[in-house]
N, C-alpha and C. Protein backbone atom coordinates (compact mmCIF):
# COMPACT_ATOMS: atom_id res chain seq x y z
N MET A 1 4.84 -13.28 6.51
CA MET A 1 3.81 -12.80 5.60
C MET A 1 4.25 -13.13 4.18
N THR A 2 3.32 -13.59 3.37
CA THR A 2 3.65 -14.00 2.01
C THR A 2 3.78 -12.79 1.09
N VAL A 3 4.40 -13.02 -0.05
CA VAL A 3 4.52 -11.96 -1.06
C VAL A 3 3.14 -11.49 -1.45
N ARG A 4 2.23 -12.43 -1.64
CA ARG A 4 0.87 -12.07 -2.05
C ARG A 4 0.23 -11.15 -1.00
N ALA A 5 0.37 -11.49 0.27
CA ALA A 5 -0.24 -10.67 1.31
C ALA A 5 0.36 -9.27 1.34
N LEU A 6 1.66 -9.17 1.14
CA LEU A 6 2.30 -7.85 1.15
C LEU A 6 1.84 -7.00 -0.03
N VAL A 7 1.74 -7.61 -1.17
CA VAL A 7 1.35 -6.84 -2.35
C VAL A 7 -0.13 -6.47 -2.28
N VAL A 8 -0.93 -7.32 -1.63
CA VAL A 8 -2.36 -7.02 -1.49
C VAL A 8 -2.55 -5.67 -0.83
N VAL A 9 -1.75 -5.40 0.18
CA VAL A 9 -1.90 -4.14 0.90
C VAL A 9 -1.77 -2.95 -0.03
N SER A 10 -0.75 -2.97 -0.88
CA SER A 10 -0.53 -1.81 -1.74
C SER A 10 -1.53 -1.71 -2.87
N VAL A 11 -1.72 -2.78 -3.58
CA VAL A 11 -2.55 -2.70 -4.78
C VAL A 11 -4.03 -2.63 -4.43
N ALA A 12 -4.48 -3.49 -3.55
CA ALA A 12 -5.91 -3.48 -3.23
C ALA A 12 -6.32 -2.16 -2.60
N GLN A 13 -5.49 -1.63 -1.73
CA GLN A 13 -5.83 -0.35 -1.12
C GLN A 13 -5.76 0.79 -2.12
N ALA A 14 -4.81 0.71 -3.02
CA ALA A 14 -4.70 1.78 -4.02
C ALA A 14 -5.93 1.87 -4.90
N PHE A 15 -6.56 0.72 -5.17
CA PHE A 15 -7.72 0.71 -6.05
C PHE A 15 -9.02 0.54 -5.30
N ARG A 16 -8.97 0.57 -3.98
CA ARG A 16 -10.16 0.37 -3.16
C ARG A 16 -11.33 1.26 -3.55
N PRO A 17 -11.12 2.54 -3.83
CA PRO A 17 -12.26 3.38 -4.19
C PRO A 17 -12.97 2.95 -5.47
N ALA A 18 -12.34 2.12 -6.27
CA ALA A 18 -12.97 1.71 -7.53
C ALA A 18 -14.03 0.64 -7.33
N PHE A 19 -14.19 0.15 -6.12
CA PHE A 19 -15.10 -0.96 -5.88
C PHE A 19 -16.18 -0.59 -4.87
N ALA A 20 -17.07 -1.53 -4.69
CA ALA A 20 -17.96 -1.61 -3.53
C ALA A 20 -19.22 -0.78 -3.58
N GLN A 21 -19.16 0.50 -3.67
CA GLN A 21 -20.35 1.30 -3.48
C GLN A 21 -20.27 2.60 -4.26
N GLN A 22 -21.35 3.33 -4.25
CA GLN A 22 -21.38 4.64 -4.91
C GLN A 22 -20.45 5.58 -4.15
N ASN A 23 -19.57 6.21 -4.86
CA ASN A 23 -18.62 7.12 -4.23
C ASN A 23 -19.16 8.54 -4.24
N SER A 24 -18.76 9.30 -3.23
CA SER A 24 -19.15 10.70 -3.19
C SER A 24 -18.38 11.46 -4.27
N ASP A 25 -18.86 12.66 -4.59
CA ASP A 25 -18.17 13.48 -5.58
C ASP A 25 -16.73 13.77 -5.16
N ALA A 26 -16.51 13.93 -3.85
CA ALA A 26 -15.16 14.21 -3.36
C ALA A 26 -14.22 13.05 -3.67
N ILE A 27 -14.71 11.83 -3.59
CA ILE A 27 -13.88 10.66 -3.87
C ILE A 27 -13.70 10.48 -5.38
N GLU A 28 -14.76 10.68 -6.15
CA GLU A 28 -14.70 10.48 -7.60
C GLU A 28 -13.57 11.27 -8.24
N THR A 29 -13.25 12.43 -7.69
CA THR A 29 -12.18 13.27 -8.22
C THR A 29 -10.85 12.53 -8.23
N PHE A 30 -10.65 11.61 -7.30
CA PHE A 30 -9.37 10.94 -7.14
C PHE A 30 -9.31 9.56 -7.78
N ILE A 31 -10.39 9.12 -8.42
CA ILE A 31 -10.41 7.80 -9.04
C ILE A 31 -10.01 7.93 -10.50
N SER A 32 -8.94 7.25 -10.87
CA SER A 32 -8.53 7.27 -12.28
C SER A 32 -8.86 5.96 -12.97
N VAL A 33 -9.09 4.91 -12.21
CA VAL A 33 -9.45 3.61 -12.77
C VAL A 33 -10.68 3.12 -12.04
N ASN A 34 -11.74 2.85 -12.79
CA ASN A 34 -12.98 2.38 -12.18
C ASN A 34 -13.42 1.13 -12.93
N ALA A 35 -12.95 -0.03 -12.47
CA ALA A 35 -13.27 -1.30 -13.11
C ALA A 35 -13.33 -2.39 -12.05
N GLU A 36 -14.12 -3.41 -12.31
CA GLU A 36 -14.24 -4.52 -11.36
C GLU A 36 -12.99 -5.39 -11.35
N VAL A 37 -12.35 -5.52 -12.52
CA VAL A 37 -11.12 -6.31 -12.62
C VAL A 37 -10.06 -5.43 -13.28
N ILE A 38 -8.90 -5.36 -12.64
CA ILE A 38 -7.81 -4.52 -13.12
C ILE A 38 -6.56 -5.39 -13.27
N ALA A 39 -5.88 -5.26 -14.38
CA ALA A 39 -4.62 -5.98 -14.60
C ALA A 39 -3.48 -4.96 -14.70
N LEU A 40 -2.56 -5.03 -13.76
CA LEU A 40 -1.36 -4.20 -13.79
C LEU A 40 -0.28 -5.04 -14.47
N THR A 41 0.08 -4.68 -15.68
CA THR A 41 1.00 -5.53 -16.45
C THR A 41 2.40 -4.91 -16.52
N HIS A 42 3.39 -5.78 -16.61
CA HIS A 42 4.80 -5.41 -16.80
C HIS A 42 5.34 -4.53 -15.68
N VAL A 43 4.90 -4.79 -14.44
CA VAL A 43 5.39 -4.02 -13.29
C VAL A 43 6.55 -4.74 -12.62
N ARG A 44 7.35 -3.99 -11.91
CA ARG A 44 8.37 -4.54 -11.03
C ARG A 44 7.72 -4.65 -9.66
N VAL A 45 7.80 -5.83 -9.04
CA VAL A 45 7.21 -6.05 -7.72
C VAL A 45 8.32 -6.08 -6.69
N ILE A 46 8.23 -5.16 -5.74
CA ILE A 46 9.13 -5.13 -4.59
C ILE A 46 8.26 -5.54 -3.41
N ASP A 47 8.51 -6.74 -2.86
CA ASP A 47 7.56 -7.28 -1.89
C ASP A 47 7.83 -6.87 -0.44
N GLY A 48 8.93 -6.21 -0.18
CA GLY A 48 9.19 -5.73 1.18
C GLY A 48 9.81 -6.77 2.10
N THR A 49 10.12 -7.96 1.58
CA THR A 49 10.71 -9.01 2.41
C THR A 49 12.23 -8.99 2.39
N GLY A 50 12.80 -8.18 1.50
CA GLY A 50 14.25 -8.18 1.31
C GLY A 50 14.67 -9.00 0.10
N ALA A 51 13.73 -9.74 -0.47
CA ALA A 51 14.03 -10.51 -1.68
C ALA A 51 14.26 -9.55 -2.84
N ALA A 52 14.94 -10.03 -3.85
CA ALA A 52 15.18 -9.21 -5.03
C ALA A 52 13.86 -8.83 -5.69
N ALA A 53 13.83 -7.65 -6.27
CA ALA A 53 12.64 -7.21 -7.01
C ALA A 53 12.41 -8.16 -8.18
N ARG A 54 11.12 -8.36 -8.50
CA ARG A 54 10.77 -9.24 -9.63
C ARG A 54 10.25 -8.37 -10.76
N ASP A 55 10.95 -8.40 -11.89
CA ASP A 55 10.57 -7.61 -13.05
C ASP A 55 9.51 -8.31 -13.89
N ASP A 56 8.84 -7.53 -14.72
CA ASP A 56 7.86 -8.00 -15.71
C ASP A 56 6.81 -8.92 -15.10
N GLN A 57 6.13 -8.42 -14.10
CA GLN A 57 5.07 -9.16 -13.42
C GLN A 57 3.70 -8.61 -13.83
N THR A 58 2.68 -9.43 -13.67
CA THR A 58 1.30 -9.00 -13.83
C THR A 58 0.57 -9.23 -12.52
N ILE A 59 -0.19 -8.24 -12.10
CA ILE A 59 -1.01 -8.34 -10.90
C ILE A 59 -2.46 -8.16 -11.33
N ILE A 60 -3.31 -9.11 -10.98
CA ILE A 60 -4.74 -9.04 -11.27
C ILE A 60 -5.46 -8.68 -9.98
N VAL A 61 -6.19 -7.57 -9.99
CA VAL A 61 -6.96 -7.13 -8.83
C VAL A 61 -8.44 -7.36 -9.14
N ARG A 62 -9.11 -8.11 -8.25
CA ARG A 62 -10.54 -8.39 -8.42
C ARG A 62 -11.19 -8.35 -7.03
N ASP A 63 -12.30 -7.65 -6.94
CA ASP A 63 -13.05 -7.58 -5.67
C ASP A 63 -12.17 -7.12 -4.51
N GLU A 64 -11.43 -6.05 -4.71
CA GLU A 64 -10.62 -5.42 -3.67
C GLU A 64 -9.46 -6.27 -3.18
N ALA A 65 -9.08 -7.29 -3.93
CA ALA A 65 -7.98 -8.15 -3.50
C ALA A 65 -7.19 -8.61 -4.72
N ILE A 66 -5.96 -9.01 -4.47
CA ILE A 66 -5.15 -9.55 -5.56
C ILE A 66 -5.62 -10.97 -5.84
N ALA A 67 -6.04 -11.21 -7.07
CA ALA A 67 -6.51 -12.53 -7.49
C ALA A 67 -5.38 -13.35 -8.10
N ALA A 68 -4.39 -12.69 -8.68
CA ALA A 68 -3.26 -13.39 -9.29
C ALA A 68 -2.05 -12.48 -9.33
N LEU A 69 -0.88 -13.10 -9.23
CA LEU A 69 0.39 -12.39 -9.32
C LEU A 69 1.38 -13.35 -9.93
N GLY A 70 2.04 -12.94 -11.00
CA GLY A 70 3.03 -13.82 -11.62
C GLY A 70 3.71 -13.18 -12.80
N ASP A 71 4.61 -13.94 -13.40
CA ASP A 71 5.32 -13.47 -14.59
C ASP A 71 4.31 -13.05 -15.65
N ALA A 72 4.57 -11.93 -16.30
CA ALA A 72 3.64 -11.41 -17.30
C ALA A 72 3.37 -12.41 -18.42
N ALA A 73 4.38 -13.17 -18.80
CA ALA A 73 4.22 -14.14 -19.88
C ALA A 73 3.29 -15.29 -19.51
N ARG A 74 3.16 -15.57 -18.20
CA ARG A 74 2.34 -16.70 -17.76
C ARG A 74 1.10 -16.28 -16.98
N THR A 75 0.84 -14.99 -16.86
CA THR A 75 -0.33 -14.50 -16.12
C THR A 75 -1.11 -13.55 -17.02
N PRO A 76 -1.92 -14.10 -17.91
CA PRO A 76 -2.66 -13.23 -18.83
C PRO A 76 -3.82 -12.52 -18.13
N PRO A 77 -4.09 -11.28 -18.50
CA PRO A 77 -5.25 -10.59 -17.94
C PRO A 77 -6.54 -11.30 -18.36
N PRO A 78 -7.51 -11.41 -17.47
CA PRO A 78 -8.78 -12.06 -17.83
C PRO A 78 -9.57 -11.19 -18.81
N ASP A 79 -10.48 -11.82 -19.53
CA ASP A 79 -11.35 -11.09 -20.44
C ASP A 79 -12.10 -10.00 -19.67
N GLY A 80 -12.20 -8.84 -20.25
CA GLY A 80 -12.94 -7.74 -19.64
C GLY A 80 -12.17 -6.93 -18.63
N ALA A 81 -10.94 -7.32 -18.32
CA ALA A 81 -10.15 -6.57 -17.34
C ALA A 81 -9.70 -5.24 -17.93
N LYS A 82 -9.62 -4.23 -17.09
CA LYS A 82 -9.01 -2.96 -17.45
C LYS A 82 -7.50 -3.18 -17.35
N ILE A 83 -6.80 -3.07 -18.47
CA ILE A 83 -5.37 -3.36 -18.51
C ILE A 83 -4.58 -2.07 -18.44
N LEU A 84 -3.67 -2.01 -17.48
CA LEU A 84 -2.77 -0.87 -17.33
C LEU A 84 -1.34 -1.36 -17.56
N ASP A 85 -0.73 -0.94 -18.65
CA ASP A 85 0.65 -1.29 -18.94
C ASP A 85 1.53 -0.35 -18.12
N LEU A 86 2.15 -0.88 -17.11
CA LEU A 86 2.95 -0.08 -16.19
C LEU A 86 4.44 -0.38 -16.34
N SER A 87 4.86 -0.59 -17.57
CA SER A 87 6.28 -0.83 -17.85
C SER A 87 7.12 0.29 -17.25
N GLY A 88 8.20 -0.10 -16.59
CA GLY A 88 9.09 0.88 -15.98
C GLY A 88 8.64 1.37 -14.62
N ARG A 89 7.54 0.87 -14.12
CA ARG A 89 7.04 1.29 -12.80
C ARG A 89 7.17 0.15 -11.80
N SER A 90 7.14 0.50 -10.53
CA SER A 90 7.27 -0.48 -9.46
C SER A 90 6.05 -0.44 -8.55
N VAL A 91 5.76 -1.58 -7.94
CA VAL A 91 4.68 -1.69 -6.96
C VAL A 91 5.31 -2.14 -5.65
N ILE A 92 4.95 -1.45 -4.58
CA ILE A 92 5.45 -1.81 -3.25
C ILE A 92 4.26 -2.08 -2.34
N PRO A 93 4.49 -2.75 -1.21
CA PRO A 93 3.41 -2.90 -0.25
C PRO A 93 3.00 -1.53 0.28
N GLY A 94 1.75 -1.40 0.67
CA GLY A 94 1.30 -0.17 1.30
C GLY A 94 2.04 0.02 2.62
N LEU A 95 2.33 1.25 2.96
CA LEU A 95 3.05 1.56 4.19
C LEU A 95 2.06 1.68 5.35
N VAL A 96 2.44 1.13 6.49
CA VAL A 96 1.63 1.21 7.71
C VAL A 96 2.41 2.09 8.68
N MET A 97 1.84 3.22 9.04
CA MET A 97 2.51 4.18 9.92
C MET A 97 1.86 4.12 11.30
N MET A 98 2.67 4.20 12.35
CA MET A 98 2.17 3.92 13.69
C MET A 98 2.09 5.12 14.64
N HIS A 99 2.54 6.29 14.26
CA HIS A 99 2.44 7.46 15.14
C HIS A 99 2.46 8.70 14.26
N GLU A 100 1.31 9.04 13.72
CA GLU A 100 1.23 10.14 12.76
C GLU A 100 0.27 11.21 13.28
N HIS A 101 0.59 12.45 12.98
CA HIS A 101 -0.26 13.57 13.38
C HIS A 101 -0.93 14.18 12.16
N LEU A 102 -2.08 14.76 12.38
CA LEU A 102 -2.84 15.42 11.32
C LEU A 102 -2.86 16.93 11.56
N TYR A 103 -1.87 17.42 12.30
CA TYR A 103 -1.74 18.85 12.56
C TYR A 103 -0.26 19.22 12.53
N TYR A 104 0.01 20.52 12.56
CA TYR A 104 1.39 20.98 12.60
C TYR A 104 1.44 22.26 13.43
N PRO A 105 2.59 22.52 14.08
CA PRO A 105 2.70 23.74 14.89
C PRO A 105 2.85 24.97 14.01
N THR A 106 2.09 26.01 14.33
CA THR A 106 2.19 27.27 13.58
C THR A 106 2.78 28.39 14.43
N GLY A 107 3.00 28.12 15.68
CA GLY A 107 3.56 29.09 16.60
C GLY A 107 3.51 28.50 18.00
N PRO A 108 4.03 29.20 18.98
CA PRO A 108 4.02 28.67 20.35
C PRO A 108 2.59 28.38 20.81
N GLY A 109 2.30 27.11 21.05
CA GLY A 109 0.99 26.72 21.55
C GLY A 109 -0.13 26.77 20.53
N VAL A 110 0.19 27.00 19.27
CA VAL A 110 -0.83 27.10 18.22
C VAL A 110 -0.57 26.00 17.19
N TYR A 111 -1.64 25.29 16.84
CA TYR A 111 -1.49 24.17 15.92
C TYR A 111 -2.52 24.25 14.81
N GLY A 112 -2.05 24.09 13.57
CA GLY A 112 -2.96 24.06 12.43
C GLY A 112 -3.47 22.64 12.22
N GLN A 113 -4.78 22.49 12.13
CA GLN A 113 -5.40 21.18 11.95
C GLN A 113 -5.75 21.03 10.48
N LEU A 114 -5.02 20.22 9.75
CA LEU A 114 -5.24 20.05 8.32
C LEU A 114 -5.41 18.58 7.96
N GLY A 115 -6.27 17.90 8.69
CA GLY A 115 -6.45 16.47 8.50
C GLY A 115 -6.82 16.06 7.10
N ALA A 116 -7.72 16.80 6.45
CA ALA A 116 -8.15 16.42 5.10
C ALA A 116 -6.98 16.51 4.12
N SER A 117 -6.13 17.52 4.28
CA SER A 117 -4.94 17.63 3.41
C SER A 117 -3.90 16.59 3.79
N PHE A 118 -3.65 16.45 5.09
CA PHE A 118 -2.64 15.50 5.53
C PHE A 118 -3.00 14.08 5.11
N SER A 119 -4.27 13.70 5.22
CA SER A 119 -4.65 12.32 4.88
C SER A 119 -4.39 12.05 3.40
N ARG A 120 -4.62 13.03 2.55
CA ARG A 120 -4.32 12.87 1.12
C ARG A 120 -2.82 12.77 0.88
N LEU A 121 -2.05 13.55 1.61
CA LEU A 121 -0.60 13.51 1.45
C LEU A 121 -0.03 12.17 1.92
N TYR A 122 -0.54 11.66 3.04
CA TYR A 122 -0.10 10.34 3.51
C TYR A 122 -0.41 9.29 2.44
N LEU A 123 -1.61 9.32 1.89
CA LEU A 123 -2.01 8.35 0.86
C LEU A 123 -1.12 8.48 -0.38
N ALA A 124 -0.85 9.71 -0.80
CA ALA A 124 0.00 9.93 -1.97
C ALA A 124 1.42 9.42 -1.73
N GLY A 125 1.85 9.41 -0.48
CA GLY A 125 3.18 8.91 -0.14
C GLY A 125 3.24 7.40 0.06
N GLY A 126 2.13 6.71 -0.19
CA GLY A 126 2.13 5.25 -0.08
C GLY A 126 1.58 4.70 1.22
N VAL A 127 1.13 5.57 2.11
CA VAL A 127 0.56 5.11 3.38
C VAL A 127 -0.87 4.64 3.13
N THR A 128 -1.14 3.38 3.44
CA THR A 128 -2.49 2.84 3.26
C THR A 128 -3.20 2.63 4.60
N THR A 129 -2.42 2.59 5.70
CA THR A 129 -2.99 2.43 7.03
C THR A 129 -2.15 3.26 7.99
N MET A 130 -2.81 3.94 8.91
CA MET A 130 -2.05 4.74 9.88
C MET A 130 -2.77 4.80 11.22
N ARG A 131 -2.00 5.00 12.27
CA ARG A 131 -2.54 5.25 13.60
C ARG A 131 -2.10 6.65 13.97
N THR A 132 -3.05 7.45 14.43
CA THR A 132 -2.70 8.81 14.80
C THR A 132 -1.98 8.82 16.14
N GLY A 133 -1.24 9.89 16.37
CA GLY A 133 -0.45 10.02 17.59
C GLY A 133 -1.07 11.00 18.57
N GLY A 134 -2.38 11.17 18.52
CA GLY A 134 -3.06 12.11 19.40
C GLY A 134 -3.38 13.39 18.66
N ASN A 135 -4.32 14.15 19.20
CA ASN A 135 -4.69 15.40 18.53
C ASN A 135 -5.04 16.47 19.54
N MET A 136 -5.03 17.69 19.07
CA MET A 136 -5.24 18.85 19.92
C MET A 136 -6.68 19.35 19.90
N HIS A 137 -7.49 18.85 19.00
CA HIS A 137 -8.81 19.43 18.78
C HIS A 137 -9.92 18.40 18.95
N GLY A 138 -10.18 18.01 20.16
CA GLY A 138 -11.31 17.13 20.43
C GLY A 138 -11.23 15.83 19.67
N ILE A 139 -12.30 15.52 18.96
CA ILE A 139 -12.36 14.24 18.26
C ILE A 139 -12.16 14.40 16.75
N PHE A 140 -11.37 15.37 16.36
CA PHE A 140 -11.14 15.63 14.93
C PHE A 140 -10.64 14.39 14.20
N ASP A 141 -9.60 13.73 14.73
CA ASP A 141 -9.04 12.56 14.06
C ASP A 141 -10.07 11.44 13.93
N ILE A 142 -10.86 11.25 14.98
CA ILE A 142 -11.89 10.21 14.96
C ILE A 142 -12.93 10.51 13.90
N ASN A 143 -13.36 11.76 13.82
CA ASN A 143 -14.35 12.13 12.80
C ASN A 143 -13.77 12.00 11.39
N LEU A 144 -12.52 12.38 11.20
CA LEU A 144 -11.89 12.24 9.89
C LEU A 144 -11.81 10.76 9.50
N ALA A 145 -11.43 9.91 10.44
CA ALA A 145 -11.36 8.47 10.16
C ALA A 145 -12.73 7.94 9.74
N ARG A 146 -13.78 8.40 10.39
CA ARG A 146 -15.14 7.97 10.02
C ARG A 146 -15.50 8.44 8.61
N ARG A 147 -15.15 9.67 8.28
CA ARG A 147 -15.48 10.20 6.94
C ARG A 147 -14.74 9.44 5.84
N ILE A 148 -13.50 9.07 6.10
CA ILE A 148 -12.75 8.27 5.13
C ILE A 148 -13.36 6.88 5.02
N ALA A 149 -13.69 6.27 6.16
CA ALA A 149 -14.31 4.93 6.13
C ALA A 149 -15.66 4.95 5.42
N ASP A 150 -16.37 6.06 5.49
CA ASP A 150 -17.67 6.20 4.81
C ASP A 150 -17.54 6.66 3.37
N TRP A 151 -16.31 6.73 2.84
CA TRP A 151 -16.02 7.09 1.46
C TRP A 151 -16.38 8.54 1.13
N GLU A 152 -16.42 9.39 2.12
CA GLU A 152 -16.69 10.81 1.88
C GLU A 152 -15.42 11.55 1.48
N LEU A 153 -14.28 11.10 1.98
CA LEU A 153 -12.99 11.74 1.69
C LEU A 153 -11.96 10.66 1.35
N PRO A 154 -10.98 10.99 0.51
CA PRO A 154 -9.90 10.03 0.25
C PRO A 154 -8.91 10.04 1.40
N GLY A 155 -8.29 8.92 1.63
CA GLY A 155 -7.27 8.83 2.66
C GLY A 155 -7.01 7.40 3.05
N PRO A 156 -5.97 7.18 3.82
CA PRO A 156 -5.66 5.82 4.28
C PRO A 156 -6.64 5.40 5.37
N ASP A 157 -6.68 4.10 5.64
CA ASP A 157 -7.45 3.64 6.80
C ASP A 157 -6.78 4.24 8.03
N ILE A 158 -7.57 4.88 8.89
CA ILE A 158 -7.02 5.55 10.07
C ILE A 158 -7.53 4.89 11.33
N ASP A 159 -6.60 4.45 12.17
CA ASP A 159 -6.93 4.01 13.53
C ASP A 159 -6.67 5.24 14.39
N ALA A 160 -7.73 5.96 14.71
CA ALA A 160 -7.59 7.26 15.36
C ALA A 160 -7.52 7.13 16.87
N THR A 161 -6.61 7.90 17.45
CA THR A 161 -6.51 7.97 18.90
C THR A 161 -7.41 9.08 19.40
N ALA A 162 -7.66 9.06 20.69
CA ALA A 162 -8.49 10.08 21.31
C ALA A 162 -7.66 11.35 21.52
N PRO A 163 -8.34 12.43 21.90
CA PRO A 163 -7.61 13.68 22.17
C PRO A 163 -6.63 13.50 23.34
N TYR A 164 -5.64 14.38 23.37
CA TYR A 164 -4.71 14.38 24.49
C TYR A 164 -5.47 14.69 25.77
N VAL A 165 -4.97 14.16 26.87
CA VAL A 165 -5.50 14.52 28.18
C VAL A 165 -4.46 15.45 28.79
N ASN A 166 -4.79 16.74 28.82
CA ASN A 166 -3.86 17.76 29.31
C ASN A 166 -4.51 18.55 30.43
N GLY A 167 -3.69 19.17 31.21
CA GLY A 167 -4.21 20.08 32.21
C GLY A 167 -3.75 19.71 33.61
N PRO A 168 -4.20 20.49 34.57
CA PRO A 168 -3.81 20.23 35.96
C PRO A 168 -4.30 18.86 36.42
N ASN A 169 -3.48 18.19 37.19
CA ASN A 169 -3.83 16.90 37.80
C ASN A 169 -4.11 15.80 36.78
N THR A 170 -3.55 15.90 35.58
CA THR A 170 -3.75 14.82 34.60
C THR A 170 -2.47 14.05 34.37
């Protein structure tokens, strides 16, 4: 995977709500940058390949994708871009998690279902895509994934699994 592809995951997903369609009020609360073209200037890029971090980079995000990535001195922001000077900050690829739950145990056999909170926490921690590891409450994870995909709630892209199959003879 190229550096560009790795960085696309983090930056494009981070700014995804700023594009495409009318956002619900619930989503608008979490949008701090709303522009068609965004320039992240003077960032350190950690591409996730094991290569050394690259300092003083500019990333241009346009139409939900990275349009340019390069040294800040040679990658000027385009006219009309929203410029964010992120000196001293780093950009990493979005994290893809493969077995995540949207509930937690509250006692023997009792589980708290907090998908809306958990999805925000995963996103805040850098997770841009996740697969759930099963759920205790019917199709809760599937419905939450649909609400996020429909821009009703903030959260990472969720590949939701079906409910557990439990009980006698299963």
